[in-house]
Amino acid sequence: MLFFALLLAGVLVGAAGHLSFSGFLLAAGLIGGWLIAFGAREGVARLRRH
């Protein structure tokens, strides 16, 4: 599992090296927004279960 996580991280870092800076910031913003939405959804679900 760790090997595949490191392999995926290497692929993503390599792909980021070929993007323009604005494209990199856009992708980082989209991923960050998705992570925030996922965390908020999980937090709400946890509060509803208790």
PDB file of N, CA and C in Angstrom:
ATOM      1  N   MET A   1       0.827  -1.196   0.000  1.00  0.00           N
ATOM      2  CA  MET A   1       0.000   0.000   0.000  1.00  0.00           C
ATOM      3  C   MET A   1       0.869   1.255   0.000  1.00  0.00           C
ATOM      4  N   LEU A   2       1.887   1.259   0.832  1.00  0.00           N
ATOM      5  CA  LEU A   2       2.776   2.413   0.889  1.00  0.00           C
ATOM      6  C   LEU A   2       3.488   2.623  -0.446  1.00  0.00           C
ATOM      7  N   PHE A   3       3.870   1.528  -1.089  1.00  0.00           N
ATOM      8  CA  PHE A   3       4.538   1.619  -2.388  1.00  0.00           C
ATOM      9  C   PHE A   3       3.648   2.314  -3.405  1.00  0.00           C
ATOM     10  N   PHE A   4       2.383   1.926  -3.447  1.00  0.00           N
ATOM     11  CA  PHE A   4       1.460   2.524  -4.411  1.00  0.00           C
ATOM     12  C   PHE A   4       1.189   3.992  -4.087  1.00  0.00           C
ATOM     13  N   ALA A   5       1.146   4.342  -2.797  1.00  0.00           N
ATOM     14  CA  ALA A   5       0.963   5.740  -2.412  1.00  0.00           C
ATOM     15  C   ALA A   5       2.164   6.573  -2.857  1.00  0.00           C
ATOM     16  N   LEU A   6       3.366   6.052  -2.670  1.00  0.00           N
ATOM     17  CA  LEU A   6       4.564   6.770  -3.101  1.00  0.00           C
ATOM     18  C   LEU A   6       4.637   6.851  -4.620  1.00  0.00           C
ATOM     19  N   LEU A   7       4.238   5.797  -5.299  1.00  0.00           N
ATOM     20  CA  LEU A   7       4.219   5.803  -6.757  1.00  0.00           C
ATOM     21  C   LEU A   7       3.241   6.850  -7.277  1.00  0.00           C
ATOM     22  N   LEU A   8       2.058   6.910  -6.694  1.00  0.00           N
ATOM     23  CA  LEU A   8       1.063   7.901  -7.097  1.00  0.00           C
ATOM     24  C   LEU A   8       1.558   9.313  -6.809  1.00  0.00           C
ATOM     25  N   ALA A   9       2.192   9.511  -5.668  1.00  0.00           N
ATOM     26  CA  ALA A   9       2.733  10.831  -5.339  1.00  0.00           C
ATOM     27  C   ALA A   9       3.797  11.233  -6.355  1.00  0.00           C
ATOM     28  N   GLY A  10       4.633  10.304  -6.758  1.00  0.00           N
ATOM     29  CA  GLY A  10       5.654  10.599  -7.756  1.00  0.00           C
ATOM     30  C   GLY A  10       5.061  10.983  -9.099  1.00  0.00           C
ATOM     31  N   VAL A  11       4.016  10.295  -9.496  1.00  0.00           N
ATOM     32  CA  VAL A  11       3.345  10.613 -10.763  1.00  0.00           C
ATOM     33  C   VAL A  11       2.720  12.002 -10.695  1.00  0.00           C
ATOM     34  N   LEU A  12       2.072  12.318  -9.569  1.00  0.00           N
ATOM     35  CA  LEU A  12       1.436  13.628  -9.438  1.00  0.00           C
ATOM     36  C   LEU A  12       2.461  14.750  -9.393  1.00  0.00           C
ATOM     37  N   VAL A  13       3.571  14.540  -8.713  1.00  0.00           N
ATOM     38  CA  VAL A  13       4.616  15.570  -8.664  1.00  0.00           C
ATOM     39  C   VAL A  13       5.218  15.750 -10.056  1.00  0.00           C
ATOM     40  N   GLY A  14       5.409  14.669 -10.779  1.00  0.00           N
ATOM     41  CA  GLY A  14       5.928  14.766 -12.142  1.00  0.00           C
ATOM     42  C   GLY A  14       4.967  15.492 -13.057  1.00  0.00           C
ATOM     43  N   ALA A  15       3.679  15.237 -12.894  1.00  0.00           N
ATOM     44  CA  ALA A  15       2.686  15.927 -13.712  1.00  0.00           C
ATOM     45  C   ALA A  15       2.632  17.409 -13.365  1.00  0.00           C
ATOM     46  N   ALA A  16       2.779  17.735 -12.089  1.00  0.00           N
ATOM     47  CA  ALA A  16       2.748  19.139 -11.674  1.00  0.00           C
ATOM     48  C   ALA A  16       3.940  19.895 -12.246  1.00  0.00           C
ATOM     49  N   GLY A  17       5.039  19.221 -12.462  1.00  0.00           N
ATOM     50  CA  GLY A  17       6.214  19.869 -13.034  1.00  0.00           C
ATOM     51  C   GLY A  17       6.017  20.292 -14.477  1.00  0.00           C
ATOM     52  N   HIS A  18       5.064  19.698 -15.157  1.00  0.00           N
ATOM     53  CA  HIS A  18       4.813  20.028 -16.563  1.00  0.00           C
ATOM     54  C   HIS A  18       3.687  21.039 -16.742  1.00  0.00           C
ATOM     55  N   LEU A  19       3.019  21.387 -15.663  1.00  0.00           N
ATOM     56  CA  LEU A  19       1.943  22.379 -15.738  1.00  0.00           C
ATOM     57  C   LEU A  19       2.506  23.783 -15.592  1.00  0.00           C
ATOM     58  N   SER A  20       1.770  24.748 -16.103  1.00  0.00           N
ATOM     59  CA  SER A  20       2.117  26.135 -15.816  1.00  0.00           C
ATOM     60  C   SER A  20       1.775  26.415 -14.356  1.00  0.00           C
ATOM     61  N   PHE A  21       2.306  27.511 -13.832  1.00  0.00           N
ATOM     62  CA  PHE A  21       2.060  27.816 -12.423  1.00  0.00           C
ATOM     63  C   PHE A  21       0.586  28.075 -12.166  1.00  0.00           C
ATOM     64  N   SER A  22      -0.087  28.767 -13.082  1.00  0.00           N
ATOM     65  CA  SER A  22      -1.510  29.039 -12.895  1.00  0.00           C
ATOM     66  C   SER A  22      -2.325  27.742 -12.977  1.00  0.00           C
ATOM     67  N   GLY A  23      -1.933  26.842 -13.857  1.00  0.00           N
ATOM     68  CA  GLY A  23      -2.616  25.548 -13.933  1.00  0.00           C
ATOM     69  C   GLY A  23      -2.409  24.732 -12.671  1.00  0.00           C
ATOM     70  N   PHE A  24      -1.199  24.813 -12.122  1.00  0.00           N
ATOM     71  CA  PHE A  24      -0.906  24.113 -10.874  1.00  0.00           C
ATOM     72  C   PHE A  24      -1.748  24.667  -9.734  1.00  0.00           C
ATOM     73  N   LEU A  25      -1.850  25.994  -9.660  1.00  0.00           N
ATOM     74  CA  LEU A  25      -2.654  26.607  -8.602  1.00  0.00           C
ATOM     75  C   LEU A  25      -4.132  26.264  -8.754  1.00  0.00           C
ATOM     76  N   LEU A  26      -4.611  26.207  -9.987  1.00  0.00           N
ATOM     77  CA  LEU A  26      -6.006  25.835 -10.221  1.00  0.00           C
ATOM     78  C   LEU A  26      -6.261  24.398  -9.758  1.00  0.00           C
ATOM     79  N   ALA A  27      -5.377  23.480 -10.142  1.00  0.00           N
ATOM     80  CA  ALA A  27      -5.532  22.082  -9.732  1.00  0.00           C
ATOM     81  C   ALA A  27      -5.437  21.951  -8.215  1.00  0.00           C
ATOM     82  N   ALA A  28      -4.498  22.665  -7.596  1.00  0.00           N
ATOM     83  CA  ALA A  28      -4.359  22.608  -6.139  1.00  0.00           C
ATOM     84  C   ALA A  28      -5.609  23.167  -5.457  1.00  0.00           C
ATOM     85  N   GLY A  29      -6.176  24.219  -6.011  1.00  0.00           N
ATOM     86  CA  GLY A  29      -7.401  24.781  -5.447  1.00  0.00           C
ATOM     87  C   GLY A  29      -8.577  23.830  -5.560  1.00  0.00           C
ATOM     88  N   LEU A  30      -8.680  23.165  -6.698  1.00  0.00           N
ATOM     89  CA  LEU A  30      -9.772  22.194  -6.875  1.00  0.00           C
ATOM     90  C   LEU A  30      -9.634  21.022  -5.914  1.00  0.00           C
ATOM     91  N   ILE A  31      -8.432  20.507  -5.772  1.00  0.00           N
ATOM     92  CA  ILE A  31      -8.207  19.387  -4.858  1.00  0.00           C
ATOM     93  C   ILE A  31      -8.444  19.829  -3.425  1.00  0.00           C
ATOM     94  N   GLY A  32      -7.964  21.011  -3.063  1.00  0.00           N
ATOM     95  CA  GLY A  32      -8.188  21.524  -1.713  1.00  0.00           C
ATOM     96  C   GLY A  32      -9.663  21.728  -1.420  1.00  0.00           C
ATOM     97  N   GLY A  33     -10.392  22.264  -2.384  1.00  0.00           N
ATOM     98  CA  GLY A  33     -11.832  22.439  -2.205  1.00  0.00           C
ATOM     99  C   GLY A  33     -12.557  21.113  -2.025  1.00  0.00           C
ATOM    100  N   TRP A  34     -12.144  20.127  -2.800  1.00  0.00           N
ATOM    101  CA  TRP A  34     -12.755  18.809  -2.661  1.00  0.00           C
ATOM    102  C   TRP A  34     -12.464  18.227  -1.281  1.00  0.00           C
ATOM    103  N   LEU A  35     -11.241  18.387  -0.798  1.00  0.00           N
ATOM    104  CA  LEU A  35     -10.894  17.869   0.527  1.00  0.00           C
ATOM    105  C   LEU A  35     -11.677  18.575   1.630  1.00  0.00           C
ATOM    106  N   ILE A  36     -11.858  19.883   1.501  1.00  0.00           N
ATOM    107  CA  ILE A  36     -12.637  20.624   2.504  1.00  0.00           C
ATOM    108  C   ILE A  36     -14.093  20.174   2.488  1.00  0.00           C
ATOM    109  N   ALA A  37     -14.670  20.006   1.294  1.00  0.00           N
ATOM    110  CA  ALA A  37     -16.060  19.549   1.190  1.00  0.00           C
ATOM    111  C   ALA A  37     -16.211  18.142   1.757  1.00  0.00           C
ATOM    112  N   PHE A  38     -15.245  17.271   1.484  1.00  0.00           N
ATOM    113  CA  PHE A  38     -15.300  15.912   2.008  1.00  0.00           C
ATOM    114  C   PHE A  38     -15.212  15.923   3.525  1.00  0.00           C
ATOM    115  N   GLY A  39     -14.300  16.719   4.065  1.00  0.00           N
ATOM    116  CA  GLY A  39     -14.156  16.801   5.520  1.00  0.00           C
ATOM    117  C   GLY A  39     -15.402  17.348   6.185  1.00  0.00           C
ATOM    118  N   ALA A  40     -16.008  18.368   5.576  1.00  0.00           N
ATOM    119  CA  ALA A  40     -17.239  18.931   6.138  1.00  0.00           C
ATOM    120  C   ALA A  40     -18.362  17.906   6.105  1.00  0.00           C
ATOM    121  N   ARG A  41     -18.481  17.180   5.006  1.00  0.00           N
ATOM    122  CA  ARG A  41     -19.536  16.164   4.902  1.00  0.00           C
ATOM    123  C   ARG A  41     -19.345  15.064   5.940  1.00  0.00           C
ATOM    124  N   GLU A  42     -18.107  14.629   6.141  1.00  0.00           N
ATOM    125  CA  GLU A  42     -17.834  13.600   7.138  1.00  0.00           C
ATOM    126  C   GLU A  42     -18.088  14.119   8.555  1.00  0.00           C
ATOM    127  N   GLY A  43     -17.750  15.382   8.795  1.00  0.00           N
ATOM    128  CA  GLY A  43     -17.999  15.964  10.111  1.00  0.00           C
ATOM    129  C   GLY A  43     -19.477  16.054  10.426  1.00  0.00           C
ATOM    130  N   VAL A  44     -20.269  16.441   9.444  1.00  0.00           N
ATOM    131  CA  VAL A  44     -21.717  16.513   9.637  1.00  0.00           C
ATOM    132  C   VAL A  44     -22.277  15.118   9.870  1.00  0.00           C
ATOM    133  N   ALA A  45     -21.800  14.138   9.120  1.00  0.00           N
ATOM    134  CA  ALA A  45     -22.285  12.761   9.292  1.00  0.00           C
ATOM    135  C   ALA A  45     -21.924  12.238  10.675  1.00  0.00           C
ATOM    136  N   ARG A  46     -20.743  12.585  11.173  1.00  0.00           N
ATOM    137  CA  ARG A  46     -20.325  12.130  12.506  1.00  0.00           C
ATOM    138  C   ARG A  46     -21.202  12.754  13.576  1.00  0.00           C
ATOM    139  N   LEU A  47     -21.554  14.034  13.417  1.00  0.00           N
ATOM    140  CA  LEU A  47     -22.412  14.687  14.399  1.00  0.00           C
ATOM    141  C   LEU A  47     -23.815  14.093  14.392  1.00  0.00           C
ATOM    142  N   ARG A  48     -24.299  13.698  13.227  1.00  0.00           N
ATOM    143  CA  ARG A  48     -25.650  13.106  13.148  1.00  0.00           C
ATOM    144  C   ARG A  48     -25.704  11.726  13.778  1.00  0.00           C
ATOM    145  N   ARG A  49     -24.595  11.003  13.749  1.00  0.00           N
ATOM    146  CA  ARG A  49     -24.576   9.645  14.327  1.00  0.00           C
ATOM    147  C   ARG A  49     -24.568   9.671  15.842  1.00  0.00           C
ATOM    148  N   HIS A  50     -24.091  10.747  16.432  1.00  0.00           N
ATOM    149  CA  HIS A  50     -23.996  10.797  17.903  1.00  0.00           C
ATOM    150  C   HIS A  50     -25.137  11.513  18.472  1.00  0.00           C
TER     151      HIS A  50
END
